[in-house]
N, C-alpha and C. Protein backbone atom coordinates (compact mmCIF):
# COMPACT_ATOMS: atom_id res chain seq x y z
N MET A 1 94.53 113.13 78.16
CA MET A 1 94.51 114.28 78.77
C MET A 1 93.12 114.85 79.21
N GLN A 2 93.20 115.46 80.46
CA GLN A 2 92.02 116.06 81.00
C GLN A 2 91.52 117.34 80.36
N HIS A 3 90.24 117.55 80.45
CA HIS A 3 89.72 118.83 79.96
C HIS A 3 90.04 119.99 80.82
N PRO A 4 90.40 121.04 80.35
CA PRO A 4 90.65 122.28 81.19
C PRO A 4 89.76 122.62 82.44
N ASN A 5 88.55 122.30 82.20
CA ASN A 5 87.71 122.62 83.29
C ASN A 5 87.74 121.69 84.37
N GLU A 6 88.21 120.27 84.17
CA GLU A 6 88.62 119.32 85.10
C GLU A 6 89.72 119.71 85.99
N ILE A 7 90.85 120.27 85.05
CA ILE A 7 92.07 120.56 85.66
C ILE A 7 91.75 121.75 86.66
N PHE A 8 90.79 122.84 86.22
CA PHE A 8 90.64 124.01 87.06
C PHE A 8 89.95 123.61 88.38
N ALA A 9 88.99 122.52 88.23
CA ALA A 9 88.33 122.07 89.36
C ALA A 9 89.22 121.41 90.36
N LYS A 10 90.23 120.74 89.96
CA LYS A 10 91.33 120.10 90.76
C LYS A 10 92.16 120.99 91.45
N LEU A 11 92.42 122.27 90.67
CA LEU A 11 93.16 123.42 91.36
C LEU A 11 92.37 123.94 92.45
N LEU A 12 91.13 124.02 92.27
CA LEU A 12 90.21 124.71 93.32
C LEU A 12 90.11 123.68 94.43
N SER A 13 90.02 122.56 94.20
CA SER A 13 90.09 121.55 95.29
C SER A 13 91.21 121.36 96.08
N MET A 14 92.47 121.68 95.47
CA MET A 14 93.66 121.56 96.03
C MET A 14 93.93 122.15 97.29
N GLU A 15 94.76 121.80 98.17
CA GLU A 15 94.79 122.50 99.40
C GLU A 15 95.31 124.04 99.02
N GLN A 16 94.55 124.98 99.58
CA GLN A 16 94.80 126.18 99.16
C GLN A 16 96.03 126.85 99.48
N ARG A 17 96.81 127.50 98.65
CA ARG A 17 98.03 128.25 98.93
C ARG A 17 97.81 129.67 98.52
N ASN A 18 97.53 130.63 99.65
CA ASN A 18 97.34 131.94 99.06
C ASN A 18 98.52 132.58 98.53
N ASP A 19 99.98 132.13 98.89
CA ASP A 19 101.18 132.82 98.51
C ASP A 19 101.42 132.46 96.87
N ILE A 20 100.74 131.56 96.18
CA ILE A 20 101.02 131.46 94.79
C ILE A 20 99.90 131.41 93.94
N ASP A 21 100.02 131.95 92.80
CA ASP A 21 98.91 131.90 91.79
C ASP A 21 99.02 130.86 90.65
N LEU A 22 98.16 129.57 91.26
CA LEU A 22 98.44 128.47 90.38
C LEU A 22 98.06 128.57 88.88
N THR A 23 97.01 129.55 88.47
CA THR A 23 96.56 129.61 87.17
C THR A 23 97.57 130.45 86.51
N ALA A 24 98.30 131.44 87.02
CA ALA A 24 99.29 132.13 86.35
C ALA A 24 100.65 131.22 86.10
N LEU A 25 100.91 130.31 86.98
CA LEU A 25 101.98 129.31 86.94
C LEU A 25 101.75 128.57 85.93
N ARG A 26 100.52 128.07 85.74
CA ARG A 26 100.05 127.07 84.82
C ARG A 26 100.32 127.76 83.37
N SER A 27 99.65 128.95 83.23
CA SER A 27 99.82 129.67 82.07
C SER A 27 101.19 129.97 81.55
N GLN A 28 102.13 130.22 82.60
CA GLN A 28 103.56 130.59 82.23
C GLN A 28 104.17 129.12 81.70
N LEU A 29 103.91 127.94 82.35
CA LEU A 29 104.38 126.75 82.12
C LEU A 29 103.96 126.35 80.48
N LEU A 30 102.64 126.75 80.29
CA LEU A 30 102.10 126.33 78.88
C LEU A 30 102.75 127.25 77.80
N ALA A 31 102.98 128.48 78.27
CA ALA A 31 103.73 129.50 77.31
C ALA A 31 105.05 129.02 76.85
N ARG A 32 105.77 128.57 77.88
CA ARG A 32 107.05 128.15 77.54
C ARG A 32 107.17 126.77 76.82
N GLN A 33 106.11 126.02 77.16
CA GLN A 33 106.11 124.79 76.41
C GLN A 33 105.89 125.10 75.09
N ALA A 34 104.88 125.94 74.62
CA ALA A 34 104.53 126.42 73.36
C ALA A 34 105.71 126.79 72.56
N GLU A 35 106.49 127.72 73.39
CA GLU A 35 107.80 128.39 72.66
C GLU A 35 108.79 127.29 72.46
N LEU A 36 109.00 126.34 73.17
CA LEU A 36 110.24 125.36 73.01
C LEU A 36 109.88 124.35 72.05
N ALA A 37 108.45 123.89 71.79
CA ALA A 37 108.26 122.71 71.07
C ALA A 37 108.59 122.91 69.73
N PRO A 38 108.29 124.25 68.91
CA PRO A 38 108.62 124.53 67.65
C PRO A 38 110.22 124.63 67.46
N LEU A 39 110.89 125.05 68.42
CA LEU A 39 112.36 125.09 68.25
C LEU A 39 112.99 123.70 68.30
N ALA A 40 112.37 122.70 69.11
CA ALA A 40 112.74 121.44 69.09
C ALA A 40 112.78 120.73 67.66
N GLU A 41 111.70 120.95 67.09
CA GLU A 41 111.39 120.54 65.52
C GLU A 41 112.38 120.91 64.66
N ARG A 42 112.73 122.26 64.75
CA ARG A 42 113.65 122.84 63.87
C ARG A 42 115.28 122.50 64.05
N SER A 43 115.53 122.27 65.48
CA SER A 43 116.91 122.08 65.77
C SER A 43 117.58 120.67 64.96
N HIS A 44 116.63 119.96 64.56
CA HIS A 44 117.12 118.83 63.83
C HIS A 44 117.98 118.93 62.67
N GLU A 45 117.84 120.24 62.05
CA GLU A 45 118.36 120.66 60.84
C GLU A 45 119.94 120.82 61.27
N ASP A 46 120.20 121.50 62.54
CA ASP A 46 121.50 121.82 62.86
C ASP A 46 122.36 120.61 63.19
N SER A 47 121.77 119.63 63.70
CA SER A 47 122.37 118.23 64.09
C SER A 47 122.54 117.34 62.96
N ARG A 48 122.40 117.70 61.73
CA ARG A 48 122.65 116.73 60.55
C ARG A 48 124.22 116.43 60.49
N PRO A 49 124.37 115.42 59.96
CA PRO A 49 125.78 114.97 59.96
C PRO A 49 126.78 115.91 59.00
N VAL A 50 128.15 116.16 59.46
CA VAL A 50 128.91 117.19 58.84
C VAL A 50 129.61 116.31 57.70
N GLU A 51 129.60 117.07 56.70
CA GLU A 51 130.26 116.61 55.50
C GLU A 51 131.93 116.38 55.55
N LEU A 52 132.56 115.09 55.20
CA LEU A 52 133.77 114.86 55.44
C LEU A 52 134.66 115.00 54.31
N ASP A 53 134.05 115.44 53.24
CA ASP A 53 134.80 115.29 51.72
C ASP A 53 135.95 116.52 51.94
N GLN A 54 137.02 116.37 52.06
CA GLN A 54 138.04 117.34 52.05
C GLN A 54 138.29 118.06 50.78
N THR A 55 137.85 117.46 49.76
CA THR A 55 138.00 118.26 48.37
C THR A 55 136.73 119.41 48.34
N ARG A 56 135.88 119.19 49.03
CA ARG A 56 134.87 120.17 49.03
C ARG A 56 134.85 121.19 50.17
N VAL A 57 135.14 120.90 51.31
CA VAL A 57 135.20 121.51 52.44
C VAL A 57 136.48 121.67 53.20
N GLY A 58 137.04 122.76 53.61
CA GLY A 58 138.36 122.83 54.14
C GLY A 58 138.26 122.24 55.58
N ARG A 59 139.51 122.12 56.14
CA ARG A 59 139.58 121.61 57.45
C ARG A 59 139.10 122.39 58.52
N LEU A 60 139.26 123.61 58.56
CA LEU A 60 138.62 124.59 59.35
C LEU A 60 137.14 124.79 59.23
N SER A 61 136.61 124.58 58.04
CA SER A 61 135.16 124.62 57.91
C SER A 61 134.50 123.41 58.71
N ARG A 62 135.14 122.29 58.49
CA ARG A 62 134.71 121.05 58.97
C ARG A 62 134.92 121.12 60.54
N MET A 63 135.96 121.58 61.04
CA MET A 63 136.06 121.65 62.52
C MET A 63 134.92 122.76 63.14
N ASP A 64 134.70 123.86 62.37
CA ASP A 64 133.57 124.66 62.80
C ASP A 64 132.38 123.88 62.57
N ALA A 65 132.08 123.31 61.67
CA ALA A 65 130.69 122.50 61.56
C ALA A 65 130.63 121.59 62.74
N LEU A 66 131.71 120.92 63.06
CA LEU A 66 131.64 119.88 64.16
C LEU A 66 131.45 120.38 65.31
N GLN A 67 131.95 121.51 65.62
CA GLN A 67 131.69 122.38 66.83
C GLN A 67 130.20 122.80 66.88
N GLY A 68 129.73 123.28 65.90
CA GLY A 68 128.42 123.85 65.85
C GLY A 68 127.34 122.54 65.94
N GLN A 69 127.70 121.43 65.40
CA GLN A 69 126.98 120.34 65.45
C GLN A 69 126.84 119.94 66.98
N ALA A 70 128.01 119.93 67.71
CA ALA A 70 128.04 119.65 69.11
C ALA A 70 127.28 120.61 70.01
N MET A 71 127.43 121.79 69.63
CA MET A 71 126.55 122.83 70.31
C MET A 71 124.82 122.61 69.99
N ALA A 72 124.66 122.38 68.75
CA ALA A 72 123.22 122.08 68.68
C ALA A 72 122.87 120.78 69.37
N ALA A 73 123.63 119.75 69.52
CA ALA A 73 123.35 118.59 70.05
C ALA A 73 122.98 118.87 71.75
N GLU A 74 123.85 119.78 72.30
CA GLU A 74 123.69 120.00 73.65
C GLU A 74 122.68 121.00 73.94
N THR A 75 122.26 121.92 73.03
CA THR A 75 121.03 122.81 73.15
C THR A 75 119.80 121.96 72.91
N GLU A 76 119.67 121.10 72.09
CA GLU A 76 118.84 120.24 72.11
C GLU A 76 118.55 119.38 73.26
N ARG A 77 119.48 118.77 73.73
CA ARG A 77 119.36 118.00 74.93
C ARG A 77 118.77 118.89 76.06
N ARG A 78 119.05 120.06 76.28
CA ARG A 78 118.82 120.86 77.45
C ARG A 78 117.36 121.24 77.10
N ARG A 79 116.96 121.49 76.01
CA ARG A 79 115.51 121.92 75.64
C ARG A 79 114.64 120.69 75.90
N HIS A 80 115.16 119.50 75.53
CA HIS A 80 114.15 118.37 75.83
C HIS A 80 114.05 118.00 77.21
N GLN A 81 115.20 118.38 77.94
CA GLN A 81 115.20 118.28 79.49
C GLN A 81 114.07 119.44 79.94
N GLU A 82 114.32 120.42 79.59
CA GLU A 82 113.16 121.48 79.94
C GLU A 82 111.84 121.10 79.67
N LEU A 83 111.58 120.65 78.63
CA LEU A 83 110.23 120.03 78.22
C LEU A 83 109.72 119.01 79.09
N GLU A 84 110.80 118.32 79.52
CA GLU A 84 110.32 117.11 80.38
C GLU A 84 109.85 117.66 81.89
N ARG A 85 110.61 118.60 82.22
CA ARG A 85 110.46 119.24 83.55
C ARG A 85 109.05 120.09 83.45
N ILE A 86 108.74 120.66 82.37
CA ILE A 86 107.41 121.31 82.23
C ILE A 86 106.33 120.33 82.25
N ALA A 87 106.42 119.24 81.55
CA ALA A 87 105.38 118.35 81.45
C ALA A 87 105.19 117.57 82.89
N ALA A 88 106.25 117.44 83.69
CA ALA A 88 106.16 116.92 84.97
C ALA A 88 105.35 117.94 85.91
N ALA A 89 105.82 119.25 85.71
CA ALA A 89 105.14 120.37 86.46
C ALA A 89 103.68 120.49 86.13
N LEU A 90 103.20 120.28 84.80
CA LEU A 90 101.88 120.40 84.53
C LEU A 90 101.12 119.13 85.12
N LYS A 91 101.77 118.00 85.18
CA LYS A 91 101.21 116.77 85.74
C LYS A 91 100.94 116.90 87.06
N ARG A 92 101.87 117.60 87.78
CA ARG A 92 101.66 117.65 89.41
C ARG A 92 100.56 118.66 89.49
N LEU A 93 100.40 119.61 88.54
CA LEU A 93 99.30 120.53 88.71
C LEU A 93 97.93 119.97 88.57
N GLU A 94 97.96 119.10 87.49
CA GLU A 94 96.72 118.30 87.28
C GLU A 94 96.27 117.28 88.51
N ASP A 95 97.39 116.78 89.17
CA ASP A 95 97.20 115.73 90.30
C ASP A 95 97.19 116.61 91.47
N GLY A 96 96.89 117.86 91.41
CA GLY A 96 97.03 118.52 92.83
C GLY A 96 98.23 118.51 93.75
N GLU A 97 99.32 118.10 93.11
CA GLU A 97 100.59 117.95 94.08
C GLU A 97 101.52 119.05 93.81
N PHE A 98 101.09 120.11 93.06
CA PHE A 98 101.94 121.29 92.75
C PHE A 98 102.30 122.14 93.90
N GLY A 99 103.60 122.49 94.13
CA GLY A 99 103.95 123.41 95.12
C GLY A 99 104.36 122.74 96.45
N ASN A 100 104.56 121.53 96.30
CA ASN A 100 104.93 120.82 97.64
C ASN A 100 106.16 119.86 97.13
N CYS A 101 107.19 119.99 97.89
CA CYS A 101 108.20 119.19 97.51
C CYS A 101 108.24 117.88 97.38
N LEU A 102 108.75 117.06 96.47
CA LEU A 102 108.58 115.68 96.14
C LEU A 102 109.48 115.03 96.93
N SER A 103 110.39 115.59 97.65
CA SER A 103 110.99 114.61 98.75
C SER A 103 110.73 114.69 100.00
N CYS A 104 110.44 115.96 100.69
CA CYS A 104 109.92 116.03 101.93
C CYS A 104 108.56 116.12 102.23
N GLY A 105 107.79 116.66 101.12
CA GLY A 105 106.37 117.06 101.16
C GLY A 105 106.03 118.47 101.81
N GLU A 106 107.07 119.23 102.07
CA GLU A 106 106.80 120.47 102.46
C GLU A 106 106.51 121.42 101.30
N PRO A 107 105.80 122.65 101.63
CA PRO A 107 105.60 123.69 100.61
C PRO A 107 106.69 124.13 100.02
N ILE A 108 106.86 124.46 98.73
CA ILE A 108 108.02 124.98 98.10
C ILE A 108 107.65 126.62 98.01
N ALA A 109 108.81 127.17 98.54
CA ALA A 109 108.76 128.74 98.69
C ALA A 109 108.03 129.34 97.47
N ALA A 110 107.18 130.29 97.69
CA ALA A 110 106.67 130.97 96.41
C ALA A 110 107.57 131.63 95.47
N ARG A 111 108.55 132.43 96.40
CA ARG A 111 109.72 132.95 95.35
C ARG A 111 110.36 131.89 94.52
N ARG A 112 110.64 130.83 95.10
CA ARG A 112 111.32 129.76 94.52
C ARG A 112 110.34 129.33 93.18
N LEU A 113 109.07 128.98 93.44
CA LEU A 113 108.15 128.83 92.38
C LEU A 113 108.13 129.94 91.25
N ALA A 114 108.30 131.07 91.71
CA ALA A 114 107.98 132.14 90.90
C ALA A 114 109.10 132.15 89.84
N ALA A 115 110.37 131.84 90.31
CA ALA A 115 111.75 131.92 89.72
C ALA A 115 111.67 130.87 88.60
N ASP A 116 111.32 129.56 89.13
CA ASP A 116 111.22 128.25 88.23
C ASP A 116 110.14 127.36 88.67
N PRO A 117 109.06 127.67 88.15
CA PRO A 117 107.78 126.85 88.35
C PRO A 117 107.91 125.41 88.04
N THR A 118 108.96 124.83 87.28
CA THR A 118 109.20 123.51 87.15
C THR A 118 109.69 122.81 88.25
N THR A 119 110.34 123.59 89.24
CA THR A 119 111.21 123.14 90.36
C THR A 119 110.24 121.96 91.30
N PRO A 120 110.77 120.81 91.46
CA PRO A 120 109.98 119.88 92.11
C PRO A 120 110.45 119.77 93.50
N LEU A 121 111.47 120.48 93.99
CA LEU A 121 112.06 120.30 95.28
C LEU A 121 112.15 121.65 96.11
N CYS A 122 111.98 121.56 97.42
CA CYS A 122 112.38 122.88 98.14
C CYS A 122 113.70 123.15 98.12
N ILE A 123 114.06 124.31 98.52
CA ILE A 123 115.42 124.76 98.64
C ILE A 123 116.41 123.83 99.56
N ALA A 124 115.83 123.37 100.64
CA ALA A 124 116.46 122.51 101.54
C ALA A 124 116.73 121.17 100.91
N CYS A 125 115.97 120.29 100.29
CA CYS A 125 116.04 119.16 99.65
C CYS A 125 116.94 119.39 98.38
N ALA A 126 116.80 120.64 97.56
CA ALA A 126 117.68 120.86 96.36
C ALA A 126 119.10 120.92 96.76
N ALA A 127 119.25 121.52 98.01
CA ALA A 127 120.62 121.79 98.69
C ALA A 127 121.34 120.40 98.89
N GLY A 128 120.66 119.39 98.94
CA GLY A 128 121.27 117.97 99.39
C GLY A 128 121.24 117.75 100.88
N PRO A 129 121.67 116.68 101.24
CA PRO A 129 121.75 116.39 102.74
C PRO A 129 122.80 117.22 103.57
N SER A 130 122.27 117.47 104.61
CA SER A 130 123.10 118.42 105.57
C SER A 130 123.60 117.64 106.73
N PRO A 131 124.80 117.98 107.37
CA PRO A 131 125.05 117.25 108.58
C PRO A 131 124.21 116.98 109.74
N ASP A 132 123.24 118.07 109.89
CA ASP A 132 122.29 118.05 110.79
C ASP A 132 121.03 117.23 110.58
N ARG A 133 121.12 116.50 109.31
CA ARG A 133 119.64 115.91 109.10
C ARG A 133 119.88 114.27 109.46
């Protein structure tokens, strides 16, 4: 991992975009990453196996526990996916590629980045192929 001063130097040497605040977006990404990491560690408790002993736990309680387990697994999957997107966005920041669409190379709109700094695609590429392309 690079030293923060090296990252900052890359940010300064990156093609300047006056419409986005790279430092603020980086801080936002790091804050969200710090918020999600401890939650990911704690969620393993919710995904533990459900006890199937019918003499100790009623059928409805088991069904409720199975549903809770499935919901916890899906939440964990989404959290892991968001952490991966954050890591990829931070890598693009380090590499000086942040803010440009990974598909077409055009700048991603500042409002789109403000709404989701992890987005790797411009709105046109995210929408998919159009008949006129």
